Amino acid sequence: MPDNNCLDTTTEETCELKAFERNKYFYGKLMTVRDFEAEQRYFNQKRHLLNWLGLGVGLVCGLEVSEPKLADGKLQVKLAKGVALDCCGREIVV
């Protein structure tokens, strides 16, 4: 199982398994910002869990790093586009 001590910078919490909270719809329900955020959070947490447990952590594709070069007294590297997963299952897209 992947490491669950990754700091979640959006909520300042560690990545832990939590019960998913799903929106409860009914006719006449007044939708607020909280309802829409809960809906997005539900699907994002499920996707992150599948990434975390199914794929693990690290590179998915791309993100190749060029040889470091020293130019004008600065160290330069080039990072190719690609996708990786952090230790919480969140996608990192470059």
Protein backbone atom coordinates (compact mmCIF):
# COMPACT_ATOMS: atom_id res chain seq x y z
CA MET A 1 0.00 0.00 0.00
CA PRO A 2 1.37 3.46 -0.86
CA ASP A 3 2.62 5.85 1.79
CA ASN A 4 -0.27 7.82 3.32
CA ASN A 5 1.85 10.42 5.08
CA CYS A 6 2.00 12.75 2.08
CA LEU A 7 1.09 16.28 3.10
CA ASP A 8 -2.01 17.49 1.28
CA THR A 9 -1.21 21.16 0.68
CA THR A 10 -4.83 22.05 -0.15
CA THR A 11 -6.22 20.99 3.23
CA GLU A 12 -3.07 20.69 5.39
CA GLU A 13 -3.97 17.07 6.18
CA THR A 14 -2.25 13.79 5.47
CA CYS A 15 -3.70 11.49 2.86
CA GLU A 16 -5.90 9.06 4.72
CA LEU A 17 -8.72 6.77 3.77
CA LYS A 18 -11.98 8.50 4.61
CA ALA A 19 -15.62 7.74 4.02
CA PHE A 20 -16.89 9.38 0.86
CA GLU A 21 -19.66 11.91 1.31
CA ARG A 22 -22.06 11.97 -1.63
CA ASN A 23 -24.65 14.62 -2.43
CA LYS A 24 -28.22 13.65 -1.68
CA TYR A 25 -30.50 14.98 -4.38
CA PHE A 26 -34.24 15.43 -4.24
CA TYR A 27 -36.81 17.41 -6.21
CA GLY A 28 -36.90 21.03 -5.13
CA LYS A 29 -33.47 20.96 -3.50
CA LEU A 30 -31.88 24.41 -3.41
CA MET A 31 -28.34 23.90 -4.69
CA THR A 32 -25.63 25.96 -3.01
CA VAL A 33 -21.89 26.31 -3.55
CA ARG A 34 -21.36 23.73 -0.80
CA ASP A 35 -23.41 21.16 -2.76
CA PHE A 36 -21.42 21.66 -5.95
CA GLU A 37 -18.12 21.51 -4.05
CA ALA A 38 -19.22 18.30 -2.31
CA GLU A 39 -20.05 16.74 -5.68
CA GLN A 40 -16.61 17.62 -7.09
CA ARG A 41 -14.84 16.47 -3.92
CA TYR A 42 -16.65 13.11 -4.02
CA PHE A 43 -15.52 12.27 -7.55
CA ASN A 44 -12.00 13.68 -7.07
CA GLN A 45 -11.47 11.63 -3.90
CA LYS A 46 -12.64 8.46 -5.64
CA ARG A 47 -10.32 9.09 -8.60
CA HIS A 48 -7.39 9.82 -6.29
CA LEU A 49 -8.06 6.62 -4.34
CA LEU A 50 -8.04 4.55 -7.54
CA ASN A 51 -4.82 6.24 -8.66
CA TRP A 52 -3.23 5.76 -5.25
CA LEU A 53 -4.13 2.09 -4.78
CA GLY A 54 -4.12 0.98 -8.42
CA LEU A 55 -1.18 2.82 -9.93
CA GLY A 56 0.93 3.86 -6.96
CA VAL A 57 3.28 6.83 -6.89
CA GLY A 58 5.61 8.21 -9.54
CA LEU A 59 5.84 8.80 -13.25
CA VAL A 60 3.00 7.75 -15.51
CA CYS A 61 4.59 8.99 -18.74
CA GLY A 62 6.97 11.69 -19.92
CA LEU A 63 8.61 14.16 -17.55
CA GLU A 64 12.06 13.44 -18.95
CA VAL A 65 14.79 15.68 -17.56
CA SER A 66 17.61 16.92 -19.81
CA GLU A 67 21.26 16.94 -18.82
CA PRO A 68 21.97 19.90 -16.54
CA LYS A 69 23.82 22.80 -18.20
CA LEU A 70 25.59 25.76 -16.68
CA ALA A 71 24.69 28.95 -18.58
CA ASP A 72 25.33 32.50 -17.35
CA GLY A 73 26.22 31.15 -13.92
CA LYS A 74 22.85 29.39 -13.60
CA LEU A 75 22.13 25.69 -13.64
CA GLN A 76 19.52 24.90 -16.29
CA VAL A 77 17.53 21.75 -16.93
CA LYS A 78 14.60 21.12 -19.24
CA LEU A 79 11.60 19.10 -18.14
CA ALA A 80 9.55 17.47 -20.90
CA LYS A 81 5.78 17.40 -20.56
CA GLY A 82 4.21 14.41 -18.90
CA VAL A 83 2.13 13.07 -16.03
CA ALA A 84 3.01 11.77 -12.58
CA LEU A 85 1.10 10.80 -9.42
CA ASP A 86 1.98 12.18 -6.00
CA CYS A 87 1.81 10.08 -2.84
CA CYS A 88 -1.90 10.95 -2.40
CA GLY A 89 -2.92 9.78 -5.88
CA ARG A 90 -3.30 13.32 -7.25
CA GLU A 91 -2.23 13.92 -10.83
CA ILE A 92 0.69 16.20 -11.61
CA VAL A 93 0.46 17.37 -15.21
CA VAL A 94 3.29 19.33 -16.84
